Amino acid sequence: MTHSLHIDWTACAGRGLCTELLEQLERDEWGYPLATEGAGSNVPIGRRDLPAARDAVALCPLQALSLQRVSP
């Protein structure tokens, strides 16, 4: 894991675009993103998925996602 995708659920409207771009996310029954593994608002992102995570952050209409570098 090189990065962590933070989900700000208070800013999210549950549109689900991020869940279409990242296999680490799935939707709950209301459309809000959840990590497929583990719980919480910080989703581990590996190097291979970093471009898709950057796209998800850039395309989020409510800026509810942010990408943070994780120190090794």
PDB file of N, CA and C in Angstrom:
ATOM      1  N   MET A   1       0.850  -1.179   0.000  1.00  0.00           N
ATOM      2  CA  MET A   1       0.000   0.000   0.000  1.00  0.00           C
ATOM      3  C   MET A   1       0.895   1.241   0.000  1.00  0.00           C
ATOM      4  N   THR A   2       0.619   2.140  -0.914  1.00  0.00           N
ATOM      5  CA  THR A   2       1.387   3.375  -0.987  1.00  0.00           C
ATOM      6  C   THR A   2       0.551   4.591  -0.626  1.00  0.00           C
ATOM      7  N   HIS A   3      -0.764   4.463  -0.777  1.00  0.00           N
ATOM      8  CA  HIS A   3      -1.667   5.582  -0.521  1.00  0.00           C
ATOM      9  C   HIS A   3      -2.926   5.093   0.192  1.00  0.00           C
ATOM     10  N   SER A   4      -3.655   6.058   0.704  1.00  0.00           N
ATOM     11  CA  SER A   4      -4.933   5.779   1.344  1.00  0.00           C
ATOM     12  C   SER A   4      -5.966   6.743   0.758  1.00  0.00           C
ATOM     13  N   LEU A   5      -7.105   6.215   0.385  1.00  0.00           N
ATOM     14  CA  LEU A   5      -8.197   7.036  -0.125  1.00  0.00           C
ATOM     15  C   LEU A   5      -9.138   7.328   1.038  1.00  0.00           C
ATOM     16  N   HIS A   6      -9.273   8.597   1.369  1.00  0.00           N
ATOM     17  CA  HIS A   6     -10.155   8.987   2.471  1.00  0.00           C
ATOM     18  C   HIS A   6     -11.522   9.366   1.903  1.00  0.00           C
ATOM     19  N   ILE A   7     -12.568   8.810   2.504  1.00  0.00           N
ATOM     20  CA  ILE A   7     -13.947   9.113   2.116  1.00  0.00           C
ATOM     21  C   ILE A   7     -14.560  10.004   3.183  1.00  0.00           C
ATOM     22  N   ASP A   8     -14.987  11.187   2.781  1.00  0.00           N
ATOM     23  CA  ASP A   8     -15.691  12.097   3.693  1.00  0.00           C
ATOM     24  C   ASP A   8     -17.184  11.874   3.484  1.00  0.00           C
ATOM     25  N   TRP A   9     -17.753  10.991   4.309  1.00  0.00           N
ATOM     26  CA  TRP A   9     -19.157  10.643   4.130  1.00  0.00           C
ATOM     27  C   TRP A   9     -20.097  11.814   4.363  1.00  0.00           C
ATOM     28  N   THR A  10     -19.673  12.830   5.101  1.00  0.00           N
ATOM     29  CA  THR A  10     -20.545  13.995   5.315  1.00  0.00           C
ATOM     30  C   THR A  10     -20.666  14.831   4.048  1.00  0.00           C
ATOM     31  N   ALA A  11     -19.666  14.743   3.166  1.00  0.00           N
ATOM     32  CA  ALA A  11     -19.708  15.488   1.904  1.00  0.00           C
ATOM     33  C   ALA A  11     -20.284  14.658   0.760  1.00  0.00           C
ATOM     34  N   CYS A  12     -20.318  13.351   0.928  1.00  0.00           N
ATOM     35  CA  CYS A  12     -20.735  12.434  -0.132  1.00  0.00           C
ATOM     36  C   CYS A  12     -22.255  12.441  -0.310  1.00  0.00           C
ATOM     37  N   ALA A  13     -22.673  12.328  -1.577  1.00  0.00           N
ATOM     38  CA  ALA A  13     -24.105  12.246  -1.879  1.00  0.00           C
ATOM     39  C   ALA A  13     -24.492  10.847  -2.364  1.00  0.00           C
ATOM     40  N   GLY A  14     -23.554   9.926  -2.369  1.00  0.00           N
ATOM     41  CA  GLY A  14     -23.855   8.548  -2.740  1.00  0.00           C
ATOM     42  C   GLY A  14     -24.124   8.339  -4.214  1.00  0.00           C
ATOM     43  N   ARG A  15     -23.450   9.055  -5.080  1.00  0.00           N
ATOM     44  CA  ARG A  15     -23.657   8.890  -6.526  1.00  0.00           C
ATOM     45  C   ARG A  15     -22.992   7.629  -7.063  1.00  0.00           C
ATOM     46  N   GLY A  16     -21.912   7.191  -6.419  1.00  0.00           N
ATOM     47  CA  GLY A  16     -21.318   5.905  -6.750  1.00  0.00           C
ATOM     48  C   GLY A  16     -20.288   5.884  -7.853  1.00  0.00           C
ATOM     49  N   LEU A  17     -19.897   7.019  -8.396  1.00  0.00           N
ATOM     50  CA  LEU A  17     -18.896   7.021  -9.462  1.00  0.00           C
ATOM     51  C   LEU A  17     -17.595   6.376  -8.988  1.00  0.00           C
ATOM     52  N   CYS A  18     -17.193   6.656  -7.769  1.00  0.00           N
ATOM     53  CA  CYS A  18     -15.943   6.098  -7.249  1.00  0.00           C
ATOM     54  C   CYS A  18     -16.000   4.572  -7.175  1.00  0.00           C
ATOM     55  N   THR A  19     -17.170   4.029  -6.906  1.00  0.00           N
ATOM     56  CA  THR A  19     -17.296   2.571  -6.821  1.00  0.00           C
ATOM     57  C   THR A  19     -17.165   1.921  -8.196  1.00  0.00           C
ATOM     58  N   GLU A  20     -17.430   2.671  -9.242  1.00  0.00           N
ATOM     59  CA  GLU A  20     -17.258   2.164 -10.602  1.00  0.00           C
ATOM     60  C   GLU A  20     -15.790   2.193 -11.022  1.00  0.00           C
ATOM     61  N   LEU A  21     -15.012   3.075 -10.423  1.00  0.00           N
ATOM     62  CA  LEU A  21     -13.612   3.235 -10.805  1.00  0.00           C
ATOM     63  C   LEU A  21     -12.650   2.382  -9.983  1.00  0.00           C
ATOM     64  N   LEU A  22     -13.027   2.041  -8.765  1.00  0.00           N
ATOM     65  CA  LEU A  22     -12.118   1.327  -7.865  1.00  0.00           C
ATOM     66  C   LEU A  22     -12.717   0.022  -7.365  1.00  0.00           C
ATOM     67  N   GLU A  23     -11.989  -1.049  -7.558  1.00  0.00           N
ATOM     68  CA  GLU A  23     -12.473  -2.352  -7.083  1.00  0.00           C
ATOM     69  C   GLU A  23     -12.407  -2.467  -5.562  1.00  0.00           C
ATOM     70  N   GLN A  24     -11.716  -1.556  -4.895  1.00  0.00           N
ATOM     71  CA  GLN A  24     -11.637  -1.567  -3.432  1.00  0.00           C
ATOM     72  C   GLN A  24     -12.896  -1.016  -2.774  1.00  0.00           C
ATOM     73  N   LEU A  25     -13.807  -0.489  -3.594  1.00  0.00           N
ATOM     74  CA  LEU A  25     -15.032   0.108  -3.060  1.00  0.00           C
ATOM     75  C   LEU A  25     -16.263  -0.623  -3.560  1.00  0.00           C
ATOM     76  N   GLU A  26     -17.265  -0.654  -2.719  1.00  0.00           N
ATOM     77  CA  GLU A  26     -18.591  -1.139  -3.095  1.00  0.00           C
ATOM     78  C   GLU A  26     -19.611  -0.164  -2.525  1.00  0.00           C
ATOM     79  N   ARG A  27     -20.839  -0.276  -2.952  1.00  0.00           N
ATOM     80  CA  ARG A  27     -21.897   0.625  -2.461  1.00  0.00           C
ATOM     81  C   ARG A  27     -22.689  -0.028  -1.345  1.00  0.00           C
ATOM     82  N   ASP A  28     -23.100   0.809  -0.386  1.00  0.00           N
ATOM     83  CA  ASP A  28     -24.027   0.295   0.621  1.00  0.00           C
ATOM     84  C   ASP A  28     -25.443   0.409   0.054  1.00  0.00           C
ATOM     85  N   GLU A  29     -26.435   0.089   0.839  1.00  0.00           N
ATOM     86  CA  GLU A  29     -27.814   0.087   0.336  1.00  0.00           C
ATOM     87  C   GLU A  29     -28.327   1.463  -0.073  1.00  0.00           C
ATOM     88  N   TRP A  30     -27.654   2.542   0.356  1.00  0.00           N
ATOM     89  CA  TRP A  30     -28.055   3.905  -0.014  1.00  0.00           C
ATOM     90  C   TRP A  30     -27.168   4.500  -1.104  1.00  0.00           C
ATOM     91  N   GLY A  31     -26.184   3.719  -1.574  1.00  0.00           N
ATOM     92  CA  GLY A  31     -25.305   4.184  -2.641  1.00  0.00           C
ATOM     93  C   GLY A  31     -23.987   4.770  -2.182  1.00  0.00           C
ATOM     94  N   TYR A  32     -23.741   4.811  -0.876  1.00  0.00           N
ATOM     95  CA  TYR A  32     -22.502   5.381  -0.360  1.00  0.00           C
ATOM     96  C   TYR A  32     -21.364   4.371  -0.471  1.00  0.00           C
ATOM     97  N   PRO A  33     -20.147   4.859  -0.721  1.00  0.00           N
ATOM     98  CA  PRO A  33     -19.013   3.945  -0.887  1.00  0.00           C
ATOM     99  C   PRO A  33     -18.550   3.344   0.436  1.00  0.00           C
ATOM    100  N   LEU A  34     -18.199   2.072   0.376  1.00  0.00           N
ATOM    101  CA  LEU A  34     -17.620   1.351   1.502  1.00  0.00           C
ATOM    102  C   LEU A  34     -16.412   0.575   1.008  1.00  0.00           C
ATOM    103  N   ALA A  35     -15.444   0.392   1.869  1.00  0.00           N
ATOM    104  CA  ALA A  35     -14.292  -0.431   1.517  1.00  0.00           C
ATOM    105  C   ALA A  35     -14.732  -1.885   1.416  1.00  0.00           C
ATOM    106  N   THR A  36     -14.265  -2.576   0.383  1.00  0.00           N
ATOM    107  CA  THR A  36     -14.626  -3.982   0.229  1.00  0.00           C
ATOM    108  C   THR A  36     -13.954  -4.836   1.291  1.00  0.00           C
ATOM    109  N   GLU A  37     -12.808  -4.400   1.775  1.00  0.00           N
ATOM    110  CA  GLU A  37     -12.109  -5.107   2.850  1.00  0.00           C
ATOM    111  C   GLU A  37     -11.874  -4.132   3.993  1.00  0.00           C
ATOM    112  N   GLY A  38     -12.222  -4.553   5.191  1.00  0.00           N
ATOM    113  CA  GLY A  38     -12.022  -3.691   6.345  1.00  0.00           C
ATOM    114  C   GLY A  38     -13.151  -2.693   6.486  1.00  0.00           C
ATOM    115  N   ALA A  39     -12.978  -1.830   7.414  1.00  0.00           N
ATOM    116  CA  ALA A  39     -14.002  -0.820   7.684  1.00  0.00           C
ATOM    117  C   ALA A  39     -13.330   0.531   7.839  1.00  0.00           C
ATOM    118  N   GLY A  40     -14.128   1.535   7.875  1.00  0.00           N
ATOM    119  CA  GLY A  40     -13.597   2.874   8.072  1.00  0.00           C
ATOM    120  C   GLY A  40     -13.597   3.699   6.813  1.00  0.00           C
ATOM    121  N   SER A  41     -13.138   4.897   6.963  1.00  0.00           N
ATOM    122  CA  SER A  41     -13.183   5.844   5.860  1.00  0.00           C
ATOM    123  C   SER A  41     -11.861   5.965   5.119  1.00  0.00           C
ATOM    124  N   ASN A  42     -10.848   5.197   5.511  1.00  0.00           N
ATOM    125  CA  ASN A  42      -9.556   5.219   4.829  1.00  0.00           C
ATOM    126  C   ASN A  42      -9.323   3.871   4.150  1.00  0.00           C
ATOM    127  N   VAL A  43      -9.279   3.917   2.827  1.00  0.00           N
ATOM    128  CA  VAL A  43      -9.188   2.700   2.024  1.00  0.00           C
ATOM    129  C   VAL A  43      -7.769   2.566   1.485  1.00  0.00           C
ATOM    130  N   PRO A  44      -7.097   1.456   1.746  1.00  0.00           N
ATOM    131  CA  PRO A  44      -5.745   1.252   1.218  1.00  0.00           C
ATOM    132  C   PRO A  44      -5.750   1.172  -0.308  1.00  0.00           C
ATOM    133  N   ILE A  45      -4.804   1.886  -0.925  1.00  0.00           N
ATOM    134  CA  ILE A  45      -4.678   1.909  -2.387  1.00  0.00           C
ATOM    135  C   ILE A  45      -3.252   1.515  -2.736  1.00  0.00           C
ATOM    136  N   GLY A  46      -3.113   0.485  -3.531  1.00  0.00           N
ATOM    137  CA  GLY A  46      -1.796   0.043  -3.982  1.00  0.00           C
ATOM    138  C   GLY A  46      -1.338   0.830  -5.202  1.00  0.00           C
ATOM    139  N   ARG A  47      -0.094   0.648  -5.532  1.00  0.00           N
ATOM    140  CA  ARG A  47       0.511   1.370  -6.665  1.00  0.00           C
ATOM    141  C   ARG A  47      -0.239   1.123  -7.974  1.00  0.00           C
ATOM    142  N   ARG A  48      -0.690  -0.108  -8.178  1.00  0.00           N
ATOM    143  CA  ARG A  48      -1.394  -0.481  -9.419  1.00  0.00           C
ATOM    144  C   ARG A  48      -2.711   0.282  -9.581  1.00  0.00           C
ATOM    145  N   ASP A  49      -3.373   0.579  -8.466  1.00  0.00           N
ATOM    146  CA  ASP A  49      -4.682   1.242  -8.515  1.00  0.00           C
ATOM    147  C   ASP A  49      -4.611   2.748  -8.325  1.00  0.00           C
ATOM    148  N   LEU A  50      -3.425   3.280  -8.198  1.00  0.00           N
ATOM    149  CA  LEU A  50      -3.273   4.716  -7.958  1.00  0.00           C
ATOM    150  C   LEU A  50      -3.865   5.591  -9.072  1.00  0.00           C
ATOM    151  N   PRO A  51      -3.670   5.267 -10.359  1.00  0.00           N
ATOM    152  CA  PRO A  51      -4.293   6.095 -11.404  1.00  0.00           C
ATOM    153  C   PRO A  51      -5.823   6.134 -11.290  1.00  0.00           C
ATOM    154  N   ALA A  52      -6.456   4.998 -11.016  1.00  0.00           N
ATOM    155  CA  ALA A  52      -7.915   4.968 -10.869  1.00  0.00           C
ATOM    156  C   ALA A  52      -8.351   5.760  -9.640  1.00  0.00           C
ATOM    157  N   ALA A  53      -7.574   5.684  -8.568  1.00  0.00           N
ATOM    158  CA  ALA A  53      -7.901   6.449  -7.364  1.00  0.00           C
ATOM    159  C   ALA A  53      -7.792   7.950  -7.632  1.00  0.00           C
ATOM    160  N   ARG A  54      -6.783   8.339  -8.376  1.00  0.00           N
ATOM    161  CA  ARG A  54      -6.645   9.773  -8.729  1.00  0.00           C
ATOM    162  C   ARG A  54      -7.825  10.226  -9.597  1.00  0.00           C
ATOM    163  N   ASP A  55      -8.258   9.380 -10.506  1.00  0.00           N
ATOM    164  CA  ASP A  55      -9.435   9.703 -11.319  1.00  0.00           C
ATOM    165  C   ASP A  55     -10.672   9.857 -10.446  1.00  0.00           C
ATOM    166  N   ALA A  56     -10.854   8.956  -9.496  1.00  0.00           N
ATOM    167  CA  ALA A  56     -12.020   9.021  -8.604  1.00  0.00           C
ATOM    168  C   ALA A  56     -12.026  10.318  -7.813  1.00  0.00           C
ATOM    169  N   VAL A  57     -10.863  10.717  -7.299  1.00  0.00           N
ATOM    170  CA  VAL A  57     -10.762  11.979  -6.548  1.00  0.00           C
ATOM    171  C   VAL A  57     -11.091  13.159  -7.457  1.00  0.00           C
ATOM    172  N   ALA A  58     -10.530  13.163  -8.664  1.00  0.00           N
ATOM    173  CA  ALA A  58     -10.739  14.275  -9.592  1.00  0.00           C
ATOM    174  C   ALA A  58     -12.184  14.370 -10.075  1.00  0.00           C
ATOM    175  N   LEU A  59     -12.853  13.229 -10.216  1.00  0.00           N
ATOM    176  CA  LEU A  59     -14.199  13.211 -10.772  1.00  0.00           C
ATOM    177  C   LEU A  59     -15.316  13.290  -9.733  1.00  0.00           C
ATOM    178  N   CYS A  60     -14.974  13.207  -8.468  1.00  0.00           N
ATOM    179  CA  CYS A  60     -16.005  13.272  -7.424  1.00  0.00           C
ATOM    180  C   CYS A  60     -16.662  14.649  -7.457  1.00  0.00           C
ATOM    181  N   PRO A  61     -17.965  14.710  -7.739  1.00  0.00           N
ATOM    182  CA  PRO A  61     -18.614  16.011  -7.905  1.00  0.00           C
ATOM    183  C   PRO A  61     -18.701  16.841  -6.616  1.00  0.00           C
ATOM    184  N   LEU A  62     -18.589  16.203  -5.475  1.00  0.00           N
ATOM    185  CA  LEU A  62     -18.705  16.928  -4.207  1.00  0.00           C
ATOM    186  C   LEU A  62     -17.400  16.959  -3.421  1.00  0.00           C
ATOM    187  N   GLN A  63     -16.310  16.563  -4.058  1.00  0.00           N
ATOM    188  CA  GLN A  63     -14.985  16.556  -3.440  1.00  0.00           C
ATOM    189  C   GLN A  63     -14.992  15.817  -2.104  1.00  0.00           C
ATOM    190  N   ALA A  64     -15.644  14.660  -2.089  1.00  0.00           N
ATOM    191  CA  ALA A  64     -15.752  13.862  -0.876  1.00  0.00           C
ATOM    192  C   ALA A  64     -14.607  12.866  -0.731  1.00  0.00           C
ATOM    193  N   LEU A  65     -13.684  12.851  -1.696  1.00  0.00           N
ATOM    194  CA  LEU A  65     -12.558  11.927  -1.663  1.00  0.00           C
ATOM    195  C   LEU A  65     -11.257  12.691  -1.633  1.00  0.00           C
ATOM    196  N   SER A  66     -10.287  12.142  -0.926  1.00  0.00           N
ATOM    197  CA  SER A  66      -8.944  12.694  -0.961  1.00  0.00           C
ATOM    198  C   SER A  66      -7.947  11.542  -0.885  1.00  0.00           C
ATOM    199  N   LEU A  67      -6.799  11.756  -1.494  1.00  0.00           N
ATOM    200  CA  LEU A  67      -5.773  10.740  -1.548  1.00  0.00           C
ATOM    201  C   LEU A  67      -4.614  11.188  -0.662  1.00  0.00           C
ATOM    202  N   GLN A  68      -4.165  10.285   0.188  1.00  0.00           N
ATOM    203  CA  GLN A  68      -3.097  10.607   1.128  1.00  0.00           C
ATOM    204  C   GLN A  68      -1.981   9.588   0.980  1.00  0.00           C
ATOM    205  N   ARG A  69      -0.744  10.052   0.983  1.00  0.00           N
ATOM    206  CA  ARG A  69       0.414   9.158   0.907  1.00  0.00           C
ATOM    207  C   ARG A  69       0.612   8.526   2.280  1.00  0.00           C
ATOM    208  N   VAL A  70       0.892   7.227   2.267  1.00  0.00           N
ATOM    209  CA  VAL A  70       1.136   6.479   3.497  1.00  0.00           C
ATOM    210  C   VAL A  70       2.630   6.206   3.570  1.00  0.00           C
ATOM    211  N   SER A  71       3.234   6.522   4.687  1.00  0.00           N
ATOM    212  CA  SER A  71       4.667   6.275   4.832  1.00  0.00           C
ATOM    213  C   SER A  71       4.927   4.776   5.008  1.00  0.00           C
ATOM    214  N   PRO A  72       6.017   4.292   4.416  1.00  0.00           N
ATOM    215  CA  PRO A  72       6.316   2.856   4.459  1.00  0.00           C
ATOM    216  C   PRO A  72       6.627   2.343   5.852  1.00  0.00           C
TER     217      PRO A  72
END
